[in-house]
PDB file of N, CA and C in Angstrom:
ATOM      1  N   MET A   1     -17.717  -0.651 -11.971  1.00  0.00           N
ATOM      2  CA  MET A   1     -16.610  -2.144 -11.948  1.00  0.00           C
ATOM      3  C   MET A   1     -15.324  -1.738 -11.643  1.00  0.00           C
ATOM      4  N   GLU A   2     -15.658  -2.856 -10.365  1.00  0.00           N
ATOM      5  CA  GLU A   2     -14.137  -3.072  -9.654  1.00  0.00           C
ATOM      6  C   GLU A   2     -13.046  -3.399 -10.182  1.00  0.00           C
ATOM      7  N   ALA A   3     -11.768  -2.311  -9.939  1.00  0.00           N
ATOM      8  CA  ALA A   3     -10.778  -3.099 -10.084  1.00  0.00           C
ATOM      9  C   ALA A   3     -10.056  -3.207  -9.093  1.00  0.00           C
ATOM     10  N   SER A   4      -9.087  -3.832  -8.969  1.00  0.00           N
ATOM     11  CA  SER A   4      -7.969  -4.105  -8.080  1.00  0.00           C
ATOM     12  C   SER A   4      -6.455  -4.120  -7.990  1.00  0.00           C
ATOM     13  N   ALA A   5      -5.883  -4.499  -7.197  1.00  0.00           N
ATOM     14  CA  ALA A   5      -4.454  -4.360  -7.338  1.00  0.00           C
ATOM     15  C   ALA A   5      -3.823  -5.087  -5.839  1.00  0.00           C
ATOM     16  N   LYS A   6      -2.818  -5.646  -6.255  1.00  0.00           N
ATOM     17  CA  LYS A   6      -2.376  -6.119  -5.179  1.00  0.00           C
ATOM     18  C   LYS A   6      -0.774  -6.464  -5.365  1.00  0.00           C
ATOM     19  N   LEU A   7      -0.614  -5.956  -3.392  1.00  0.00           N
ATOM     20  CA  LEU A   7       1.217  -6.465  -3.674  1.00  0.00           C
ATOM     21  C   LEU A   7       1.535  -6.924  -2.324  1.00  0.00           C
ATOM     22  N   LYS A   8       2.048  -8.229  -2.246  1.00  0.00           N
ATOM     23  CA  LYS A   8       2.139  -8.731  -1.172  1.00  0.00           C
ATOM     24  C   LYS A   8       3.646  -9.196  -0.131  1.00  0.00           C
ATOM     25  N   TYR A   9       4.133  -9.163   0.728  1.00  0.00           N
ATOM     26  CA  TYR A   9       5.467  -9.253   1.215  1.00  0.00           C
ATOM     27  C   TYR A   9       5.800  -8.063   0.906  1.00  0.00           C
ATOM     28  N   ALA A  10       5.541  -6.855   0.976  1.00  0.00           N
ATOM     29  CA  ALA A  10       6.425  -5.631   0.607  1.00  0.00           C
ATOM     30  C   ALA A  10       7.040  -5.628   2.006  1.00  0.00           C
ATOM     31  N   ARG A  11       8.068  -5.047   2.243  1.00  0.00           N
ATOM     32  CA  ARG A  11       8.885  -4.994   3.480  1.00  0.00           C
ATOM     33  C   ARG A  11       9.001  -3.587   4.169  1.00  0.00           C
ATOM     34  N   LEU A  12       7.414  -3.519   4.749  1.00  0.00           N
ATOM     35  CA  LEU A  12       7.173  -2.552   5.382  1.00  0.00           C
ATOM     36  C   LEU A  12       6.402  -2.556   6.298  1.00  0.00           C
ATOM     37  N   SER A  13       6.680  -1.836   7.516  1.00  0.00           N
ATOM     38  CA  SER A  13       5.547  -2.215   8.624  1.00  0.00           C
ATOM     39  C   SER A  13       4.165  -1.814   8.050  1.00  0.00           C
ATOM     40  N   PRO A  14       3.126  -3.048   8.904  1.00  0.00           N
ATOM     41  CA  PRO A  14       1.902  -2.260   7.995  1.00  0.00           C
ATOM     42  C   PRO A  14       1.159  -1.368   9.308  1.00  0.00           C
ATOM     43  N   GLN A  15       1.713  -0.651   9.875  1.00  0.00           N
ATOM     44  CA  GLN A  15       1.290   0.023  11.334  1.00  0.00           C
ATOM     45  C   GLN A  15       1.841   1.187  10.355  1.00  0.00           C
ATOM     46  N   LYS A  16       2.849   1.341  10.174  1.00  0.00           N
ATOM     47  CA  LYS A  16       3.100   2.395   9.234  1.00  0.00           C
ATOM     48  C   LYS A  16       2.898   2.792   8.629  1.00  0.00           C
ATOM     49  N   THR A  17       2.396   1.922   7.192  1.00  0.00           N
ATOM     50  CA  THR A  17       1.407   2.017   6.262  1.00  0.00           C
ATOM     51  C   THR A  17       0.311   2.353   5.963  1.00  0.00           C
ATOM     52  N   ARG A  18      -0.457   1.578   7.677  1.00  0.00           N
ATOM     53  CA  ARG A  18      -1.892   1.945   7.742  1.00  0.00           C
ATOM     54  C   ARG A  18      -2.187   3.764   7.798  1.00  0.00           C
ATOM     55  N   LEU A  19      -0.546   4.143   8.298  1.00  0.00           N
ATOM     56  CA  LEU A  19      -1.215   5.877   8.465  1.00  0.00           C
ATOM     57  C   LEU A  19      -1.183   6.395   7.098  1.00  0.00           C
ATOM     58  N   VAL A  20      -0.538   5.541   6.205  1.00  0.00           N
ATOM     59  CA  VAL A  20      -0.821   6.716   5.184  1.00  0.00           C
ATOM     60  C   VAL A  20      -1.717   6.209   4.176  1.00  0.00           C
ATOM     61  N   VAL A  21      -2.084   4.873   4.099  1.00  0.00           N
ATOM     62  CA  VAL A  21      -3.117   4.712   3.379  1.00  0.00           C
ATOM     63  C   VAL A  21      -4.685   5.197   3.929  1.00  0.00           C
ATOM     64  N   ASP A  22      -4.763   6.022   5.315  1.00  0.00           N
ATOM     65  CA  ASP A  22      -6.124   6.381   5.878  1.00  0.00           C
ATOM     66  C   ASP A  22      -6.129   7.789   5.148  1.00  0.00           C
ATOM     67  N   MET A  23      -5.255   8.419   4.784  1.00  0.00           N
ATOM     68  CA  MET A  23      -4.728   9.868   3.629  1.00  0.00           C
ATOM     69  C   MET A  23      -5.791  10.124   2.479  1.00  0.00           C
ATOM     70  N   VAL A  24      -5.573   8.689   1.665  1.00  0.00           N
ATOM     71  CA  VAL A  24      -6.395   8.231   0.426  1.00  0.00           C
ATOM     72  C   VAL A  24      -7.331   7.730   0.947  1.00  0.00           C
ATOM     73  N   ARG A  25      -8.219   6.692   1.318  1.00  0.00           N
ATOM     74  CA  ARG A  25      -9.743   5.698   1.664  1.00  0.00           C
ATOM     75  C   ARG A  25     -10.434   6.860   0.873  1.00  0.00           C
ATOM     76  N   GLY A  26     -10.914   7.047   0.289  1.00  0.00           N
ATOM     77  CA  GLY A  26     -12.606   7.365  -0.116  1.00  0.00           C
ATOM     78  C   GLY A  26     -12.097   8.440  -0.819  1.00  0.00           C
ATOM     79  N   LYS A  27     -11.092   8.513  -1.653  1.00  0.00           N
ATOM     80  CA  LYS A  27     -10.917  10.048  -2.640  1.00  0.00           C
ATOM     81  C   LYS A  27     -10.656   9.706  -3.925  1.00  0.00           C
ATOM     82  N   ASP A  28     -10.617  10.680  -4.620  1.00  0.00           N
ATOM     83  CA  ASP A  28     -10.610  10.566  -6.627  1.00  0.00           C
ATOM     84  C   ASP A  28      -8.951  10.073  -6.411  1.00  0.00           C
ATOM     85  N   VAL A  29      -9.001   9.219  -7.524  1.00  0.00           N
ATOM     86  CA  VAL A  29      -7.674   8.485  -8.013  1.00  0.00           C
ATOM     87  C   VAL A  29      -6.810   9.727  -7.914  1.00  0.00           C
ATOM     88  N   GLN A  30      -6.681  10.631  -8.812  1.00  0.00           N
ATOM     89  CA  GLN A  30      -6.009  11.589  -8.969  1.00  0.00           C
ATOM     90  C   GLN A  30      -5.632  12.379  -7.861  1.00  0.00           C
ATOM     91  N   GLU A  31      -6.281  12.748  -7.048  1.00  0.00           N
ATOM     92  CA  GLU A  31      -6.475  13.235  -5.507  1.00  0.00           C
ATOM     93  C   GLU A  31      -5.524  12.839  -5.109  1.00  0.00           C
ATOM     94  N   ALA A  32      -5.423  11.138  -4.809  1.00  0.00           N
ATOM     95  CA  ALA A  32      -5.010  10.453  -3.976  1.00  0.00           C
ATOM     96  C   ALA A  32      -3.506   9.927  -4.451  1.00  0.00           C
ATOM     97  N   LEU A  33      -3.194  10.316  -5.527  1.00  0.00           N
ATOM     98  CA  LEU A  33      -1.746   9.836  -6.284  1.00  0.00           C
ATOM     99  C   LEU A  33      -1.273  11.242  -6.204  1.00  0.00           C
ATOM    100  N   ASN A  34      -2.107  12.419  -5.706  1.00  0.00           N
ATOM    101  CA  ASN A  34      -1.211  13.696  -5.762  1.00  0.00           C
ATOM    102  C   ASN A  34      -0.766  13.654  -4.483  1.00  0.00           C
ATOM    103  N   ILE A  35      -1.804  13.100  -3.264  1.00  0.00           N
ATOM    104  CA  ILE A  35      -1.629  13.288  -2.127  1.00  0.00           C
ATOM    105  C   ILE A  35      -0.514  12.391  -1.644  1.00  0.00           C
ATOM    106  N   LEU A  36      -0.485  11.007  -2.218  1.00  0.00           N
ATOM    107  CA  LEU A  36       0.809  10.217  -2.146  1.00  0.00           C
ATOM    108  C   LEU A  36       2.213  10.731  -2.772  1.00  0.00           C
ATOM    109  N   LYS A  37       2.507  11.748  -3.629  1.00  0.00           N
ATOM    110  CA  LYS A  37       3.022  12.273  -4.427  1.00  0.00           C
ATOM    111  C   LYS A  37       4.210  12.953  -3.309  1.00  0.00           C
ATOM    112  N   PHE A  38       3.322  14.070  -2.627  1.00  0.00           N
ATOM    113  CA  PHE A  38       4.286  14.804  -1.917  1.00  0.00           C
ATOM    114  C   PHE A  38       4.294  14.545  -0.425  1.00  0.00           C
ATOM    115  N   SER A  39       3.578  13.316  -0.269  1.00  0.00           N
ATOM    116  CA  SER A  39       3.540  12.755   0.934  1.00  0.00           C
ATOM    117  C   SER A  39       5.396  12.276   1.475  1.00  0.00           C
ATOM    118  N   PRO A  40       5.953  12.453   2.720  1.00  0.00           N
ATOM    119  CA  PRO A  40       7.097  12.296   2.997  1.00  0.00           C
ATOM    120  C   PRO A  40       7.400  10.764   3.219  1.00  0.00           C
ATOM    121  N   GLN A  41       6.329   9.920   3.714  1.00  0.00           N
ATOM    122  CA  GLN A  41       6.443   8.446   4.129  1.00  0.00           C
ATOM    123  C   GLN A  41       6.925   7.906   3.236  1.00  0.00           C
ATOM    124  N   ARG A  42       7.796   6.606   3.522  1.00  0.00           N
ATOM    125  CA  ARG A  42       8.071   5.394   2.693  1.00  0.00           C
ATOM    126  C   ARG A  42       7.667   4.853   2.174  1.00  0.00           C
ATOM    127  N   PRO A  43       6.180   4.685   2.967  1.00  0.00           N
ATOM    128  CA  PRO A  43       5.126   3.437   2.176  1.00  0.00           C
ATOM    129  C   PRO A  43       4.413   4.456   0.912  1.00  0.00           C
ATOM    130  N   ALA A  44       4.591   5.845   0.557  1.00  0.00           N
ATOM    131  CA  ALA A  44       3.876   6.629   0.181  1.00  0.00           C
ATOM    132  C   ALA A  44       4.181   6.134  -1.406  1.00  0.00           C
ATOM    133  N   ASP A  45       5.004   6.269  -1.624  1.00  0.00           N
ATOM    134  CA  ASP A  45       5.412   5.650  -3.016  1.00  0.00           C
ATOM    135  C   ASP A  45       5.035   4.346  -3.447  1.00  0.00           C
ATOM    136  N   VAL A  46       4.844   3.352  -2.089  1.00  0.00           N
ATOM    137  CA  VAL A  46       4.715   1.803  -3.053  1.00  0.00           C
ATOM    138  C   VAL A  46       3.384   1.686  -2.973  1.00  0.00           C
ATOM    139  N   VAL A  47       2.552   2.462  -1.978  1.00  0.00           N
ATOM    140  CA  VAL A  47       1.190   2.668  -2.498  1.00  0.00           C
ATOM    141  C   VAL A  47       0.908   3.239  -3.971  1.00  0.00           C
ATOM    142  N   ALA A  48       1.545   4.225  -4.056  1.00  0.00           N
ATOM    143  CA  ALA A  48       1.197   5.076  -5.229  1.00  0.00           C
ATOM    144  C   ALA A  48       1.407   3.987  -6.357  1.00  0.00           C
ATOM    145  N   LYS A  49       2.139   3.078  -6.173  1.00  0.00           N
ATOM    146  CA  LYS A  49       2.233   2.215  -7.322  1.00  0.00           C
ATOM    147  C   LYS A  49       1.657   1.320  -7.367  1.00  0.00           C
ATOM    148  N   VAL A  50       0.889   0.596  -6.278  1.00  0.00           N
ATOM    149  CA  VAL A  50      -0.083  -0.382  -6.497  1.00  0.00           C
ATOM    150  C   VAL A  50      -0.978   0.069  -7.005  1.00  0.00           C
ATOM    151  N   MET A  51      -1.252   1.814  -6.619  1.00  0.00           N
ATOM    152  CA  MET A  51      -3.168   2.513  -6.627  1.00  0.00           C
ATOM    153  C   MET A  51      -2.727   2.694  -8.104  1.00  0.00           C
ATOM    154  N   ARG A  52      -1.609   2.678  -9.225  1.00  0.00           N
ATOM    155  CA  ARG A  52      -1.527   3.059 -10.352  1.00  0.00           C
ATOM    156  C   ARG A  52      -1.667   1.831 -11.180  1.00  0.00           C
ATOM    157  N   SER A  53      -1.008   0.479 -10.559  1.00  0.00           N
ATOM    158  CA  SER A  53      -1.176  -0.829 -10.659  1.00  0.00           C
ATOM    159  C   SER A  53      -2.943  -0.793 -11.418  1.00  0.00           C
ATOM    160  N   ALA A  54      -3.760  -0.937  -9.782  1.00  0.00           N
ATOM    161  CA  ALA A  54      -5.163  -0.736  -9.834  1.00  0.00           C
ATOM    162  C   ALA A  54      -5.608  -0.037 -11.462  1.00  0.00           C
ATOM    163  N   VAL A  55      -5.360   0.927 -11.450  1.00  0.00           N
ATOM    164  CA  VAL A  55      -5.636   1.740 -12.193  1.00  0.00           C
ATOM    165  C   VAL A  55      -5.879   0.995 -13.674  1.00  0.00           C
ATOM    166  N   ALA A  56      -4.008   0.448 -14.039  1.00  0.00           N
ATOM    167  CA  ALA A  56      -4.095  -0.302 -14.899  1.00  0.00           C
ATOM    168  C   ALA A  56      -5.071  -1.182 -15.689  1.00  0.00           C
ATOM    169  N   ASN A  57      -5.435  -1.707 -14.422  1.00  0.00           N
ATOM    170  CA  ASN A  57      -6.159  -3.025 -14.226  1.00  0.00           C
ATOM    171  C   ASN A  57      -7.705  -3.004 -14.716  1.00  0.00           C
ATOM    172  N   ALA A  58      -8.343  -1.544 -14.160  1.00  0.00           N
ATOM    173  CA  ALA A  58      -9.369  -0.785 -14.567  1.00  0.00           C
ATOM    174  C   ALA A  58      -9.654  -0.442 -16.297  1.00  0.00           C
ATOM    175  N   GLU A  59      -8.479   0.030 -16.732  1.00  0.00           N
ATOM    176  CA  GLU A  59      -8.374   0.241 -18.218  1.00  0.00           C
ATOM    177  C   GLU A  59      -8.302  -0.948 -18.705  1.00  0.00           C
ATOM    178  N   GLN A  60      -8.070  -2.379 -18.565  1.00  0.00           N
ATOM    179  CA  GLN A  60      -7.388  -3.254 -18.879  1.00  0.00           C
ATOM    180  C   GLN A  60      -9.197  -4.092 -19.117  1.00  0.00           C
ATOM    181  N   LYS A  61      -9.624  -3.609 -18.216  1.00  0.00           N
ATOM    182  CA  LYS A  61     -10.956  -4.736 -17.709  1.00  0.00           C
ATOM    183  C   LYS A  61     -12.272  -3.754 -18.677  1.00  0.00           C
ATOM    184  N   GLY A  62     -11.460  -2.597 -19.031  1.00  0.00           N
ATOM    185  CA  GLY A  62     -12.711  -1.512 -20.136  1.00  0.00           C
ATOM    186  C   GLY A  62     -13.552  -1.352 -19.495  1.00  0.00           C
ATOM    187  N   VAL A  63     -13.241  -0.708 -18.080  1.00  0.00           N
ATOM    188  CA  VAL A  63     -14.031   0.790 -17.153  1.00  0.00           C
ATOM    189  C   VAL A  63     -14.386   1.618 -18.089  1.00  0.00           C
ATOM    190  N   ALA A  64     -15.671   2.268 -18.383  1.00  0.00           N
ATOM    191  CA  ALA A  64     -16.394   3.376 -18.936  1.00  0.00           C
ATOM    192  C   ALA A  64     -15.150   4.533 -19.211  1.00  0.00           C
ATOM    193  N   ASP A  65     -14.830   5.456 -17.461  1.00  0.00           N
ATOM    194  CA  ASP A  65     -14.497   6.458 -17.816  1.00  0.00           C
ATOM    195  C   ASP A  65     -13.186   6.247 -16.620  1.00  0.00           C
ATOM    196  N   VAL A  66     -12.386   6.035 -16.956  1.00  0.00           N
ATOM    197  CA  VAL A  66     -10.804   5.894 -15.586  1.00  0.00           C
ATOM    198  C   VAL A  66     -10.855   7.117 -15.194  1.00  0.00           C
ATOM    199  N   ASP A  67     -11.228   8.355 -15.430  1.00  0.00           N
ATOM    200  CA  ASP A  67     -11.067   9.896 -14.681  1.00  0.00           C
ATOM    201  C   ASP A  67     -11.936   9.492 -13.220  1.00  0.00           C
ATOM    202  N   ARG A  68     -13.552   8.566 -13.589  1.00  0.00           N
ATOM    203  CA  ARG A  68     -14.332   8.761 -12.900  1.00  0.00           C
ATOM    204  C   ARG A  68     -14.429   7.461 -11.587  1.00  0.00           C
ATOM    205  N   LEU A  69     -12.899   7.159 -11.735  1.00  0.00           N
ATOM    206  CA  LEU A  69     -12.464   5.911 -10.559  1.00  0.00           C
ATOM    207  C   LEU A  69     -12.250   6.955  -9.031  1.00  0.00           C
ATOM    208  N   PHE A  70     -12.647   5.929  -7.668  1.00  0.00           N
ATOM    209  CA  PHE A  70     -12.048   6.333  -6.809  1.00  0.00           C
ATOM    210  C   PHE A  70     -12.103   5.330  -5.862  1.00  0.00           C
ATOM    211  N   VAL A  71     -11.080   5.474  -4.635  1.00  0.00           N
ATOM    212  CA  VAL A  71     -10.795   4.509  -3.709  1.00  0.00           C
ATOM    213  C   VAL A  71     -11.687   3.964  -3.227  1.00  0.00           C
ATOM    214  N   LYS A  72     -12.349   2.878  -3.267  1.00  0.00           N
ATOM    215  CA  LYS A  72     -13.402   2.379  -2.712  1.00  0.00           C
ATOM    216  C   LYS A  72     -12.589   2.134  -0.871  1.00  0.00           C
ATOM    217  N   ALA A  73     -11.776   1.064  -1.483  1.00  0.00           N
ATOM    218  CA  ALA A  73     -10.902   0.201  -0.149  1.00  0.00           C
ATOM    219  C   ALA A  73      -9.704   0.128  -0.444  1.00  0.00           C
ATOM    220  N   VAL A  74      -8.903   0.471   0.722  1.00  0.00           N
ATOM    221  CA  VAL A  74      -7.321   0.249   0.649  1.00  0.00           C
ATOM    222  C   VAL A  74      -6.992  -0.911   2.039  1.00  0.00           C
ATOM    223  N   LEU A  75      -6.574  -1.731   1.441  1.00  0.00           N
ATOM    224  CA  LEU A  75      -6.242  -2.837   2.862  1.00  0.00           C
ATOM    225  C   LEU A  75      -4.740  -2.897   3.428  1.00  0.00           C
ATOM    226  N   VAL A  76      -4.771  -3.029   4.656  1.00  0.00           N
ATOM    227  CA  VAL A  76      -3.087  -3.382   4.879  1.00  0.00           C
ATOM    228  C   VAL A  76      -2.740  -4.502   5.720  1.00  0.00           C
ATOM    229  N   ASP A  77      -2.510  -5.770   4.856  1.00  0.00           N
ATOM    230  CA  ASP A  77      -2.736  -6.647   6.112  1.00  0.00           C
ATOM    231  C   ASP A  77      -1.085  -6.999   6.649  1.00  0.00           C
ATOM    232  N   GLN A  78      -0.974  -7.738   7.427  1.00  0.00           N
ATOM    233  CA  GLN A  78       0.070  -8.008   7.964  1.00  0.00           C
ATOM    234  C   GLN A  78       0.934  -9.138   7.606  1.00  0.00           C
ATOM    235  N   GLY A  79       1.769  -9.013   7.286  1.00  0.00           N
ATOM    236  CA  GLY A  79       2.628 -10.500   6.418  1.00  0.00           C
ATOM    237  C   GLY A  79       3.495 -11.318   7.375  1.00  0.00           C
ATOM    238  N   PRO A  80       4.514 -12.388   6.796  1.00  0.00           N
ATOM    239  CA  PRO A  80       5.351 -12.912   8.018  1.00  0.00           C
ATOM    240  C   PRO A  80       6.184 -11.842   8.225  1.00  0.00           C
ATOM    241  N   VAL A  81       6.892 -12.223   9.374  1.00  0.00           N
ATOM    242  CA  VAL A  81       7.658 -10.789   9.901  1.00  0.00           C
ATOM    243  C   VAL A  81       9.314 -11.814   9.981  1.00  0.00           C
ATOM    244  N   LEU A  82      10.106 -11.323   8.980  1.00  0.00           N
ATOM    245  CA  LEU A  82      11.515 -11.523   9.364  1.00  0.00           C
ATOM    246  C   LEU A  82      12.220 -11.813  10.423  1.00  0.00           C
ATOM    247  N   LYS A  83      12.548 -12.891  11.251  1.00  0.00           N
ATOM    248  CA  LYS A  83      13.151 -12.460  12.627  1.00  0.00           C
ATOM    249  C   LYS A  83      14.965 -12.525  12.744  1.00  0.00           C
ATOM    250  N   ARG A  84      15.513 -11.823  13.027  1.00  0.00           N
ATOM    251  CA  ARG A  84      16.710 -11.757  12.740  1.00  0.00           C
ATOM    252  C   ARG A  84      17.451 -11.525  14.209  1.00  0.00           C
ATOM    253  N   PHE A  85      19.058 -11.607  14.558  1.00  0.00           N
ATOM    254  CA  PHE A  85      19.464 -11.562  15.571  1.00  0.00           C
ATOM    255  C   PHE A  85      20.556 -10.452  15.380  1.00  0.00           C
ATOM    256  N   MET A  86      20.896  -9.683  16.450  1.00  0.00           N
ATOM    257  CA  MET A  86      22.365  -8.769  16.408  1.00  0.00           C
ATOM    258  C   MET A  86      23.088  -9.188  17.698  1.00  0.00           C
ATOM    259  N   PRO A  87      24.312  -9.348  17.243  1.00  0.00           N
ATOM    260  CA  PRO A  87      25.032  -9.741  18.326  1.00  0.00           C
ATOM    261  C   PRO A  87      25.711  -8.594  19.357  1.00  0.00           C
ATOM    262  N   ARG A  88      25.416  -8.920  20.476  1.00  0.00           N
ATOM    263  CA  ARG A  88      25.822  -7.263  21.348  1.00  0.00           C
ATOM    264  C   ARG A  88      27.154  -7.518  22.744  1.00  0.00           C
ATOM    265  N   ALA A  89      26.920  -7.005  23.270  1.00  0.00           N
ATOM    266  CA  ALA A  89      28.145  -7.304  24.481  1.00  0.00           C
ATOM    267  C   ALA A  89      27.934  -8.546  24.888  1.00  0.00           C
ATOM    268  N   GLN A  90      28.837  -8.876  25.603  1.00  0.00           N
ATOM    269  CA  GLN A  90      29.556 -10.068  26.699  1.00  0.00           C
ATOM    270  C   GLN A  90      28.253 -11.323  26.009  1.00  0.00           C
ATOM    271  N   GLY A  91      28.409 -11.253  25.091  1.00  0.00           N
ATOM    272  CA  GLY A  91      27.491 -13.020  24.230  1.00  0.00           C
ATOM    273  C   GLY A  91      25.932 -12.235  24.437  1.00  0.00           C
ATOM    274  N   ARG A  92      25.613 -11.742  24.311  1.00  0.00           N
ATOM    275  CA  ARG A  92      23.978 -11.513  24.487  1.00  0.00           C
ATOM    276  C   ARG A  92      24.060 -11.168  22.942  1.00  0.00           C
ATOM    277  N   ALA A  93      22.345 -11.235  22.575  1.00  0.00           N
ATOM    278  CA  ALA A  93      21.718 -10.922  21.408  1.00  0.00           C
ATOM    279  C   ALA A  93      21.067 -10.404  21.200  1.00  0.00           C
ATOM    280  N   THR A  94      20.253  -9.657  20.349  1.00  0.00           N
ATOM    281  CA  THR A  94      18.901  -8.989  20.423  1.00  0.00           C
ATOM    282  C   THR A  94      18.239  -9.092  19.578  1.00  0.00           C
ATOM    283  N   LYS A  95      16.799  -9.214  19.495  1.00  0.00           N
ATOM    284  CA  LYS A  95      15.779  -9.489  18.199  1.00  0.00           C
ATOM    285  C   LYS A  95      15.903  -8.660  17.515  1.00  0.00           C
ATOM    286  N   ILE A  96      16.055  -9.233  15.965  1.00  0.00           N
ATOM    287  CA  ILE A  96      14.945  -7.749  15.007  1.00  0.00           C
ATOM    288  C   ILE A  96      14.002  -8.375  14.346  1.00  0.00           C
ATOM    289  N   ARG A  97      13.015  -7.494  14.184  1.00  0.00           N
ATOM    290  CA  ARG A  97      11.901  -8.084  13.480  1.00  0.00           C
ATOM    291  C   ARG A  97      11.499  -7.033  12.275  1.00  0.00           C
ATOM    292  N   LYS A  98      11.849  -7.647  11.322  1.00  0.00           N
ATOM    293  CA  LYS A  98      11.415  -6.880   9.958  1.00  0.00           C
ATOM    294  C   LYS A  98      10.194  -7.721   9.464  1.00  0.00           C
ATOM    295  N   PRO A  99       9.176  -6.820   9.806  1.00  0.00           N
ATOM    296  CA  PRO A  99       8.089  -6.896   9.323  1.00  0.00           C
ATOM    297  C   PRO A  99       7.464  -6.570   7.562  1.00  0.00           C
ATOM    298  N   THR A 100       6.340  -7.442   7.529  1.00  0.00           N
ATOM    299  CA  THR A 100       6.154  -7.317   5.717  1.00  0.00           C
ATOM    300  C   THR A 100       4.848  -7.178   5.815  1.00  0.00           C
ATOM    301  N   SER A 101       4.397  -6.307   5.140  1.00  0.00           N
ATOM    302  CA  SER A 101       3.055  -6.049   4.723  1.00  0.00           C
ATOM    303  C   SER A 101       2.214  -6.699   3.490  1.00  0.00           C
ATOM    304  N   HIS A 102       0.827  -7.047   3.238  1.00  0.00           N
ATOM    305  CA  HIS A 102       0.653  -7.031   2.320  1.00  0.00           C
ATOM    306  C   HIS A 102      -0.570  -5.966   1.768  1.00  0.00           C
ATOM    307  N   ILE A 103      -0.406  -5.523   0.610  1.00  0.00           N
ATOM    308  CA  ILE A 103      -0.966  -4.093   0.379  1.00  0.00           C
ATOM    309  C   ILE A 103      -2.325  -4.476  -0.431  1.00  0.00           C
ATOM    310  N   THR A 104      -3.279  -4.138  -0.826  1.00  0.00           N
ATOM    311  CA  THR A 104      -4.998  -4.433  -1.430  1.00  0.00           C
ATOM    312  C   THR A 104      -5.529  -3.190  -1.734  1.00  0.00           C
ATOM    313  N   VAL A 105      -5.577  -2.679  -3.190  1.00  0.00           N
ATOM    314  CA  VAL A 105      -5.658  -1.890  -3.851  1.00  0.00           C
ATOM    315  C   VAL A 105      -7.576  -1.864  -3.929  1.00  0.00           C
ATOM    316  N   VAL A 106      -8.465  -1.004  -3.906  1.00  0.00           N
ATOM    317  CA  VAL A 106     -10.023  -1.540  -4.897  1.00  0.00           C
ATOM    318  C   VAL A 106     -10.518  -0.397  -5.325  1.00  0.00           C
ATOM    319  N   LEU A 107     -10.585  -0.028  -6.618  1.00  0.00           N
ATOM    320  CA  LEU A 107     -11.276   1.225  -7.355  1.00  0.00           C
ATOM    321  C   LEU A 107     -12.344   0.816  -7.748  1.00  0.00           C
ATOM    322  N   ASP A 108     -13.520   1.793  -7.817  1.00  0.00           N
ATOM    323  CA  ASP A 108     -14.567   1.706  -8.038  1.00  0.00           C
ATOM    324  C   ASP A 108     -14.987   2.756  -9.317  1.00  0.00           C
ATOM    325  N   GLU A 109     -16.212   2.880  -9.921  1.00  0.00           N
ATOM    326  CA  GLU A 109     -16.435   3.733 -10.508  1.00  0.00           C
ATOM    327  C   GLU A 109     -17.283   4.534  -9.864  1.00  0.00           C
ATOM    328  N   LYS A 110     -17.887   6.073  -9.770  1.00  0.00           N
ATOM    329  CA  LYS A 110     -19.018   6.913  -8.987  1.00  0.00           C
ATOM    330  C   LYS A 110     -20.230   6.600  -9.893  1.00  0.00           C
TER     331      LYS A 110
END
């Protein structure tokens, strides 16, 4: 039985988040959480939190054994980009892009 959790509009770059997510795809949940715990990247904490939420959703659904869960799919989609400007010298301005991500975690039993 599948269980999933979504996080929308996370203030993380999708490109950098995908690098973290690729480390845990297909692994057991406990192993994936350990990898994320010791990963120095900023998105690792956010992805771990979404994964713990998916585990809680699985418990709520009544999955037979939570210890048998594995990461079936992890998707990182691009959200809207916040566009800002920073003033520069001689009346110029430069663009600042603040990307957002939508993170989806799907867990399943072995």
